[in-house]
Amino acid sequence: MKKNLISQEEMNIWHTWKGSYKTIFGRVVKDLTDKTGLSEGDFGILDRLDQFGSGELRQQELADSMDWDKSRLSHHLTRMEKRGLVRRKPAATDRGVQVILTAAGKTALDEARPVVSAAIKEHFLSLLTEEDVASIGRIGEKVKN
């Protein structure tokens, strides 16, 4: 084996990990979209506005929290504004923009959360033992930083 290369077994573990995540995430997003009409991006924005900002966040903070560039978020917010899920207004203190969760957005989020929870349970948690959950938790803590 060449220096710094991983073994075939280690590479297989890596591919399994990535593939499992993509499969699970794809199934959760499909259920979300099929049952609520919201995209993964819509849900992420609505959820962050509610969780992190009590219904309102600066557009740049929202972009940073989603790891999206400013342009991508701006285009997505424009589509969400047209559907009445969010609105934007100039920030009172500087040239920034505040993104605000509307009543329709809050309703859509409240309706989507049980769908997402059920999808996570169905496509992921129901397949795991208590030991699996504990192991995944430990692995997650090791690699999150």
N, C-alpha and C. Protein backbone atom coordinates (compact mmCIF):
# COMPACT_ATOMS: atom_id res chain seq x y z
N MET A 1 0.85 -1.18 0.00
CA MET A 1 0.00 0.00 0.00
C MET A 1 0.89 1.24 0.00
N LYS A 2 0.54 2.20 -0.83
CA LYS A 2 1.31 3.44 -0.88
C LYS A 2 1.03 4.27 0.36
N LYS A 3 2.03 5.04 0.72
CA LYS A 3 1.91 5.89 1.91
C LYS A 3 0.72 6.83 1.76
N ASN A 4 -0.05 6.98 2.82
CA ASN A 4 -1.20 7.87 2.92
C ASN A 4 -2.44 7.39 2.17
N LEU A 5 -2.39 6.23 1.55
CA LEU A 5 -3.59 5.69 0.91
C LEU A 5 -4.33 4.82 1.91
N ILE A 6 -5.64 4.82 1.79
CA ILE A 6 -6.43 3.96 2.68
C ILE A 6 -6.64 2.62 2.01
N SER A 7 -6.99 1.63 2.81
CA SER A 7 -7.21 0.28 2.28
C SER A 7 -8.53 0.23 1.51
N GLN A 8 -8.70 -0.84 0.75
CA GLN A 8 -9.95 -1.02 0.00
C GLN A 8 -11.13 -1.14 0.97
N GLU A 9 -10.92 -1.82 2.10
CA GLU A 9 -11.98 -1.94 3.10
C GLU A 9 -12.38 -0.56 3.64
N GLU A 10 -11.38 0.27 3.92
CA GLU A 10 -11.67 1.63 4.41
C GLU A 10 -12.40 2.45 3.34
N MET A 11 -12.01 2.29 2.09
CA MET A 11 -12.69 2.99 1.00
C MET A 11 -14.12 2.51 0.88
N ASN A 12 -14.34 1.21 1.04
CA ASN A 12 -15.70 0.67 0.98
C ASN A 12 -16.57 1.24 2.10
N ILE A 13 -16.00 1.37 3.29
CA ILE A 13 -16.73 1.97 4.42
C ILE A 13 -17.12 3.40 4.07
N TRP A 14 -16.17 4.14 3.51
CA TRP A 14 -16.44 5.53 3.11
C TRP A 14 -17.59 5.60 2.11
N HIS A 15 -17.55 4.77 1.08
CA HIS A 15 -18.61 4.78 0.07
C HIS A 15 -19.95 4.36 0.65
N THR A 16 -19.93 3.39 1.55
CA THR A 16 -21.17 2.97 2.21
C THR A 16 -21.75 4.10 3.03
N TRP A 17 -20.91 4.80 3.78
CA TRP A 17 -21.35 5.93 4.61
C TRP A 17 -21.99 7.01 3.75
N LYS A 18 -21.30 7.41 2.69
CA LYS A 18 -21.82 8.45 1.79
C LYS A 18 -23.12 8.01 1.13
N GLY A 19 -23.14 6.78 0.62
CA GLY A 19 -24.32 6.28 -0.06
C GLY A 19 -25.52 6.17 0.86
N SER A 20 -25.29 5.74 2.08
CA SER A 20 -26.39 5.63 3.04
C SER A 20 -26.99 6.99 3.33
N TYR A 21 -26.11 7.97 3.56
CA TYR A 21 -26.59 9.32 3.83
C TYR A 21 -27.42 9.84 2.66
N LYS A 22 -26.90 9.70 1.45
CA LYS A 22 -27.62 10.20 0.27
C LYS A 22 -28.97 9.52 0.11
N THR A 23 -29.01 8.21 0.34
CA THR A 23 -30.26 7.47 0.21
C THR A 23 -31.28 7.93 1.23
N ILE A 24 -30.87 8.00 2.48
CA ILE A 24 -31.79 8.41 3.55
C ILE A 24 -32.26 9.84 3.32
N PHE A 25 -31.33 10.73 3.07
CA PHE A 25 -31.67 12.14 2.86
C PHE A 25 -32.63 12.29 1.67
N GLY A 26 -32.35 11.59 0.59
CA GLY A 26 -33.22 11.64 -0.58
C GLY A 26 -34.63 11.18 -0.29
N ARG A 27 -34.76 10.12 0.49
CA ARG A 27 -36.10 9.62 0.84
C ARG A 27 -36.85 10.60 1.73
N VAL A 28 -36.15 11.21 2.68
CA VAL A 28 -36.79 12.19 3.57
C VAL A 28 -37.25 13.39 2.76
N VAL A 29 -36.40 13.89 1.87
CA VAL A 29 -36.76 15.05 1.04
C VAL A 29 -37.92 14.70 0.11
N LYS A 30 -37.92 13.50 -0.45
CA LYS A 30 -39.03 13.09 -1.33
C LYS A 30 -40.35 13.09 -0.56
N ASP A 31 -40.35 12.52 0.63
CA ASP A 31 -41.57 12.53 1.44
C ASP A 31 -42.00 13.96 1.75
N LEU A 32 -41.05 14.81 2.12
CA LEU A 32 -41.35 16.21 2.41
C LEU A 32 -42.01 16.88 1.22
N THR A 33 -41.40 16.75 0.06
CA THR A 33 -41.91 17.41 -1.14
C THR A 33 -43.24 16.83 -1.58
N ASP A 34 -43.35 15.51 -1.58
CA ASP A 34 -44.59 14.86 -2.02
C ASP A 34 -45.77 15.22 -1.13
N LYS A 35 -45.53 15.34 0.18
CA LYS A 35 -46.64 15.53 1.12
C LYS A 35 -46.91 16.99 1.47
N THR A 36 -45.95 17.88 1.22
CA THR A 36 -46.16 19.28 1.62
C THR A 36 -45.95 20.28 0.49
N GLY A 37 -45.27 19.88 -0.57
CA GLY A 37 -44.94 20.80 -1.64
C GLY A 37 -43.71 21.65 -1.36
N LEU A 38 -43.14 21.51 -0.17
CA LEU A 38 -41.94 22.26 0.17
C LEU A 38 -40.71 21.52 -0.32
N SER A 39 -39.72 22.27 -0.78
CA SER A 39 -38.43 21.68 -1.11
C SER A 39 -37.58 21.59 0.15
N GLU A 40 -36.46 20.91 0.04
CA GLU A 40 -35.54 20.83 1.16
C GLU A 40 -35.05 22.23 1.53
N GLY A 41 -34.78 23.05 0.52
CA GLY A 41 -34.34 24.43 0.77
C GLY A 41 -35.41 25.25 1.46
N ASP A 42 -36.66 25.11 1.02
CA ASP A 42 -37.77 25.82 1.67
C ASP A 42 -37.83 25.46 3.15
N PHE A 43 -37.81 24.16 3.42
CA PHE A 43 -37.90 23.69 4.80
C PHE A 43 -36.72 24.21 5.62
N GLY A 44 -35.53 24.13 5.06
CA GLY A 44 -34.34 24.60 5.78
C GLY A 44 -34.43 26.07 6.14
N ILE A 45 -34.89 26.87 5.22
CA ILE A 45 -35.04 28.32 5.48
C ILE A 45 -36.10 28.56 6.54
N LEU A 46 -37.27 27.97 6.37
CA LEU A 46 -38.36 28.17 7.32
C LEU A 46 -37.95 27.70 8.72
N ASP A 47 -37.32 26.55 8.78
CA ASP A 47 -36.91 25.99 10.06
C ASP A 47 -35.88 26.87 10.76
N ARG A 48 -34.91 27.37 10.01
CA ARG A 48 -33.89 28.24 10.61
C ARG A 48 -34.49 29.56 11.07
N LEU A 49 -35.40 30.12 10.30
CA LEU A 49 -36.04 31.36 10.72
C LEU A 49 -36.77 31.16 12.04
N ASP A 50 -37.43 30.04 12.17
CA ASP A 50 -38.19 29.75 13.39
C ASP A 50 -37.28 29.39 14.56
N GLN A 51 -36.30 28.52 14.33
CA GLN A 51 -35.46 28.02 15.40
C GLN A 51 -34.40 29.01 15.87
N PHE A 52 -33.70 29.64 14.92
CA PHE A 52 -32.56 30.48 15.27
C PHE A 52 -32.92 31.94 15.43
N GLY A 53 -33.97 32.38 14.78
CA GLY A 53 -34.26 33.80 14.79
C GLY A 53 -35.62 34.18 15.32
N SER A 54 -36.33 33.25 15.91
CA SER A 54 -37.68 33.53 16.40
C SER A 54 -38.53 34.19 15.32
N GLY A 55 -38.34 33.72 14.08
CA GLY A 55 -39.15 34.21 12.97
C GLY A 55 -38.48 35.26 12.11
N GLU A 56 -37.27 35.66 12.45
CA GLU A 56 -36.60 36.72 11.68
C GLU A 56 -35.08 36.58 11.80
N LEU A 57 -34.40 36.66 10.66
CA LEU A 57 -32.94 36.60 10.63
C LEU A 57 -32.42 37.53 9.55
N ARG A 58 -31.21 38.02 9.76
CA ARG A 58 -30.54 38.76 8.69
C ARG A 58 -30.27 37.79 7.55
N GLN A 59 -30.40 38.27 6.33
CA GLN A 59 -30.21 37.41 5.17
C GLN A 59 -28.82 36.77 5.17
N GLN A 60 -27.80 37.52 5.55
CA GLN A 60 -26.44 36.96 5.57
C GLN A 60 -26.30 35.87 6.63
N GLU A 61 -26.92 36.04 7.79
CA GLU A 61 -26.89 34.99 8.82
C GLU A 61 -27.58 33.72 8.32
N LEU A 62 -28.67 33.90 7.62
CA LEU A 62 -29.40 32.77 7.05
C LEU A 62 -28.54 32.05 6.02
N ALA A 63 -27.91 32.81 5.14
CA ALA A 63 -27.02 32.21 4.13
C ALA A 63 -25.89 31.43 4.80
N ASP A 64 -25.28 32.03 5.81
CA ASP A 64 -24.18 31.36 6.51
C ASP A 64 -24.65 30.07 7.18
N SER A 65 -25.83 30.10 7.79
CA SER A 65 -26.33 28.92 8.51
C SER A 65 -26.64 27.77 7.56
N MET A 66 -26.94 28.10 6.31
CA MET A 66 -27.27 27.07 5.32
C MET A 66 -26.07 26.71 4.45
N ASP A 67 -24.98 27.43 4.63
CA ASP A 67 -23.79 27.26 3.79
C ASP A 67 -24.13 27.48 2.32
N TRP A 68 -24.95 28.51 2.07
CA TRP A 68 -25.34 28.92 0.72
C TRP A 68 -24.68 30.25 0.43
N ASP A 69 -24.38 30.51 -0.84
CA ASP A 69 -23.89 31.83 -1.17
C ASP A 69 -25.06 32.80 -1.25
N LYS A 70 -24.73 34.07 -1.20
CA LYS A 70 -25.75 35.12 -1.12
C LYS A 70 -26.70 35.09 -2.33
N SER A 71 -26.16 34.85 -3.50
CA SER A 71 -26.97 34.83 -4.72
C SER A 71 -27.98 33.67 -4.70
N ARG A 72 -27.52 32.50 -4.34
CA ARG A 72 -28.42 31.34 -4.29
C ARG A 72 -29.56 31.60 -3.32
N LEU A 73 -29.23 32.10 -2.13
CA LEU A 73 -30.27 32.37 -1.15
C LEU A 73 -31.23 33.44 -1.65
N SER A 74 -30.71 34.49 -2.24
CA SER A 74 -31.55 35.57 -2.73
C SER A 74 -32.57 35.06 -3.76
N HIS A 75 -32.12 34.25 -4.69
CA HIS A 75 -33.03 33.69 -5.70
C HIS A 75 -34.08 32.79 -5.05
N HIS A 76 -33.65 31.99 -4.10
CA HIS A 76 -34.59 31.09 -3.42
C HIS A 76 -35.62 31.89 -2.62
N LEU A 77 -35.16 32.93 -1.92
CA LEU A 77 -36.09 33.76 -1.15
C LEU A 77 -37.09 34.47 -2.05
N THR A 78 -36.66 34.88 -3.23
CA THR A 78 -37.59 35.51 -4.18
C THR A 78 -38.73 34.56 -4.52
N ARG A 79 -38.40 33.29 -4.78
CA ARG A 79 -39.44 32.30 -5.08
C ARG A 79 -40.34 32.08 -3.87
N MET A 80 -39.76 32.04 -2.68
CA MET A 80 -40.56 31.83 -1.46
C MET A 80 -41.45 33.04 -1.17
N GLU A 81 -40.96 34.24 -1.45
CA GLU A 81 -41.78 35.44 -1.26
C GLU A 81 -43.01 35.40 -2.16
N LYS A 82 -42.83 34.97 -3.40
CA LYS A 82 -43.95 34.88 -4.35
C LYS A 82 -45.02 33.92 -3.86
N ARG A 83 -44.61 32.93 -3.07
CA ARG A 83 -45.55 31.95 -2.50
C ARG A 83 -46.07 32.38 -1.14
N GLY A 84 -45.60 33.53 -0.64
CA GLY A 84 -46.09 34.07 0.63
C GLY A 84 -45.50 33.42 1.87
N LEU A 85 -44.38 32.69 1.74
CA LEU A 85 -43.80 31.98 2.89
C LEU A 85 -42.89 32.86 3.73
N VAL A 86 -42.24 33.83 3.09
CA VAL A 86 -41.34 34.76 3.78
C VAL A 86 -41.53 36.14 3.16
N ARG A 87 -40.99 37.12 3.86
CA ARG A 87 -40.88 38.46 3.28
C ARG A 87 -39.55 39.05 3.71
N ARG A 88 -39.09 40.01 2.95
CA ARG A 88 -37.83 40.68 3.27
C ARG A 88 -38.07 42.16 3.46
N LYS A 89 -37.26 42.75 4.33
CA LYS A 89 -37.31 44.19 4.54
C LYS A 89 -35.90 44.67 4.85
N PRO A 90 -35.61 45.93 4.56
CA PRO A 90 -34.29 46.46 4.91
C PRO A 90 -34.10 46.43 6.42
N ALA A 91 -32.88 46.12 6.84
CA ALA A 91 -32.57 46.14 8.27
C ALA A 91 -32.60 47.57 8.76
N ALA A 92 -33.03 47.75 9.99
CA ALA A 92 -33.18 49.09 10.55
C ALA A 92 -31.85 49.76 10.85
N THR A 93 -30.82 48.97 11.12
CA THR A 93 -29.56 49.54 11.60
C THR A 93 -28.50 49.73 10.53
N ASP A 94 -28.58 49.01 9.41
CA ASP A 94 -27.55 49.14 8.38
C ASP A 94 -28.13 48.76 7.02
N ARG A 95 -27.26 48.43 6.09
CA ARG A 95 -27.72 48.11 4.73
C ARG A 95 -28.13 46.66 4.56
N GLY A 96 -28.17 45.91 5.61
CA GLY A 96 -28.55 44.51 5.53
C GLY A 96 -30.03 44.31 5.26
N VAL A 97 -30.40 43.07 5.09
CA VAL A 97 -31.78 42.70 4.81
C VAL A 97 -32.24 41.69 5.86
N GLN A 98 -33.43 41.91 6.39
CA GLN A 98 -34.05 40.98 7.33
C GLN A 98 -34.99 40.07 6.55
N VAL A 99 -34.95 38.78 6.85
CA VAL A 99 -35.88 37.81 6.28
C VAL A 99 -36.85 37.43 7.38
N ILE A 100 -38.12 37.51 7.06
CA ILE A 100 -39.17 37.34 8.08
C ILE A 100 -40.09 36.19 7.68
N LEU A 101 -40.33 35.31 8.61
CA LEU A 101 -41.26 34.20 8.44
C LEU A 101 -42.69 34.75 8.48
N THR A 102 -43.47 34.49 7.45
CA THR A 102 -44.86 34.95 7.43
C THR A 102 -45.76 33.94 8.15
N ALA A 103 -47.00 34.32 8.36
CA ALA A 103 -47.96 33.38 8.96
C ALA A 103 -48.12 32.15 8.08
N ALA A 104 -48.17 32.34 6.77
CA ALA A 104 -48.30 31.21 5.85
C ALA A 104 -47.05 30.33 5.91
N GLY A 105 -45.89 30.95 6.05
CA GLY A 105 -44.65 30.19 6.19
C GLY A 105 -44.63 29.38 7.47
N LYS A 106 -45.09 29.97 8.55
CA LYS A 106 -45.15 29.28 9.84
C LYS A 106 -46.12 28.10 9.77
N THR A 107 -47.25 28.30 9.13
CA THR A 107 -48.22 27.21 8.96
C THR A 107 -47.63 26.08 8.13
N ALA A 108 -46.95 26.43 7.02
CA ALA A 108 -46.32 25.42 6.18
C ALA A 108 -45.26 24.65 6.97
N LEU A 109 -44.49 25.36 7.77
CA LEU A 109 -43.46 24.72 8.59
C LEU A 109 -44.08 23.79 9.62
N ASP A 110 -45.11 24.26 10.29
CA ASP A 110 -45.79 23.44 11.31
C ASP A 110 -46.39 22.18 10.70
N GLU A 111 -46.86 22.27 9.46
CA GLU A 111 -47.41 21.10 8.78
C GLU A 111 -46.31 20.17 8.29
N ALA A 112 -45.14 20.73 7.98
CA ALA A 112 -44.04 19.92 7.43
C ALA A 112 -43.25 19.18 8.51
N ARG A 113 -43.15 19.75 9.68
CA ARG A 113 -42.32 19.11 10.72
C ARG A 113 -42.74 17.68 11.05
N PRO A 114 -44.03 17.39 11.21
CA PRO A 114 -44.40 15.99 11.47
C PRO A 114 -44.09 15.07 10.28
N VAL A 115 -44.18 15.60 9.08
CA VAL A 115 -43.85 14.81 7.88
C VAL A 115 -42.37 14.46 7.89
N VAL A 116 -41.53 15.44 8.17
CA VAL A 116 -40.09 15.21 8.22
C VAL A 116 -39.75 14.23 9.35
N SER A 117 -40.35 14.42 10.51
CA SER A 117 -40.11 13.51 11.63
C SER A 117 -40.49 12.09 11.28
N ALA A 118 -41.66 11.91 10.67
CA ALA A 118 -42.11 10.57 10.29
C ALA A 118 -41.18 9.96 9.25
N ALA A 119 -40.71 10.76 8.32
CA ALA A 119 -39.80 10.25 7.28
C ALA A 119 -38.46 9.84 7.88
N ILE A 120 -37.95 10.64 8.81
CA ILE A 120 -36.69 10.28 9.47
C ILE A 120 -36.85 8.97 10.24
N LYS A 121 -37.98 8.83 10.94
CA LYS A 121 -38.23 7.58 11.67
C LYS A 121 -38.32 6.40 10.71
N GLU A 122 -39.11 6.57 9.64
CA GLU A 122 -39.34 5.47 8.70
C GLU A 122 -38.07 5.05 7.96
N HIS A 123 -37.35 6.02 7.44
CA HIS A 123 -36.24 5.72 6.55
C HIS A 123 -34.89 5.59 7.25
N PHE A 124 -34.85 5.89 8.56
CA PHE A 124 -33.57 5.84 9.26
C PHE A 124 -33.70 5.20 10.64
N LEU A 125 -34.38 5.88 11.54
CA LEU A 125 -34.38 5.44 12.94
C LEU A 125 -35.00 4.06 13.14
N SER A 126 -36.03 3.73 12.39
CA SER A 126 -36.69 2.43 12.57
C SER A 126 -35.79 1.26 12.17
N LEU A 127 -34.73 1.55 11.42
CA LEU A 127 -33.81 0.51 10.96
C LEU A 127 -32.68 0.24 11.95
N LEU A 128 -32.60 1.05 13.00
CA LEU A 128 -31.47 1.00 13.93
C LEU A 128 -31.83 0.34 15.25
N THR A 129 -30.84 -0.31 15.82
CA THR A 129 -30.97 -0.81 17.19
C THR A 129 -30.52 0.29 18.15
N GLU A 130 -30.74 0.08 19.43
CA GLU A 130 -30.25 1.05 20.42
C GLU A 130 -28.73 1.18 20.34
N GLU A 131 -28.07 0.06 20.10
CA GLU A 131 -26.60 0.08 19.97
C GLU A 131 -26.17 0.89 18.75
N ASP A 132 -26.91 0.74 17.65
CA ASP A 132 -26.61 1.51 16.44
C ASP A 132 -26.72 3.01 16.73
N VAL A 133 -27.78 3.39 17.40
CA VAL A 133 -28.01 4.81 17.71
C VAL A 133 -26.86 5.34 18.57
N ALA A 134 -26.47 4.56 19.58
CA ALA A 134 -25.37 4.98 20.45
C ALA A 134 -24.07 5.12 19.65
N SER A 135 -23.81 4.16 18.76
CA SER A 135 -22.59 4.21 17.94
C SER A 135 -22.59 5.42 17.01
N ILE A 136 -23.71 5.66 16.36
CA ILE A 136 -23.80 6.80 15.45
C ILE A 136 -23.62 8.10 16.22
N GLY A 137 -24.18 8.17 17.41
CA GLY A 137 -24.01 9.35 18.25
C GLY A 137 -22.55 9.59 18.59
N ARG A 138 -21.85 8.52 18.96
CA ARG A 138 -20.42 8.64 19.28
C ARG A 138 -19.60 9.05 18.05
N ILE A 139 -19.91 8.44 16.93
CA ILE A 139 -19.19 8.78 15.69
C ILE A 139 -19.45 10.25 15.32
N GLY A 140 -20.69 10.65 15.42
CA GLY A 140 -21.03 12.04 15.11
C GLY A 140 -20.28 13.04 15.97
N GLU A 141 -20.16 12.73 17.25
CA GLU A 141 -19.42 13.62 18.16
C GLU A 141 -17.94 13.67 17.79
N LYS A 142 -17.38 12.54 17.37
CA LYS A 142 -15.96 12.51 17.02
C LYS A 142 -15.65 13.34 15.78
N VAL A 143 -16.56 13.32 14.81
CA VAL A 143 -16.24 13.94 13.52
C VAL A 143 -16.84 15.32 13.31
N LYS A 144 -17.65 15.79 14.22
CA LYS A 144 -18.36 17.05 13.97
C LYS A 144 -17.44 18.28 14.02
N ASN A 145 -16.33 18.17 14.65
CA ASN A 145 -15.42 19.33 14.70
C ASN A 145 -14.19 19.11 13.87
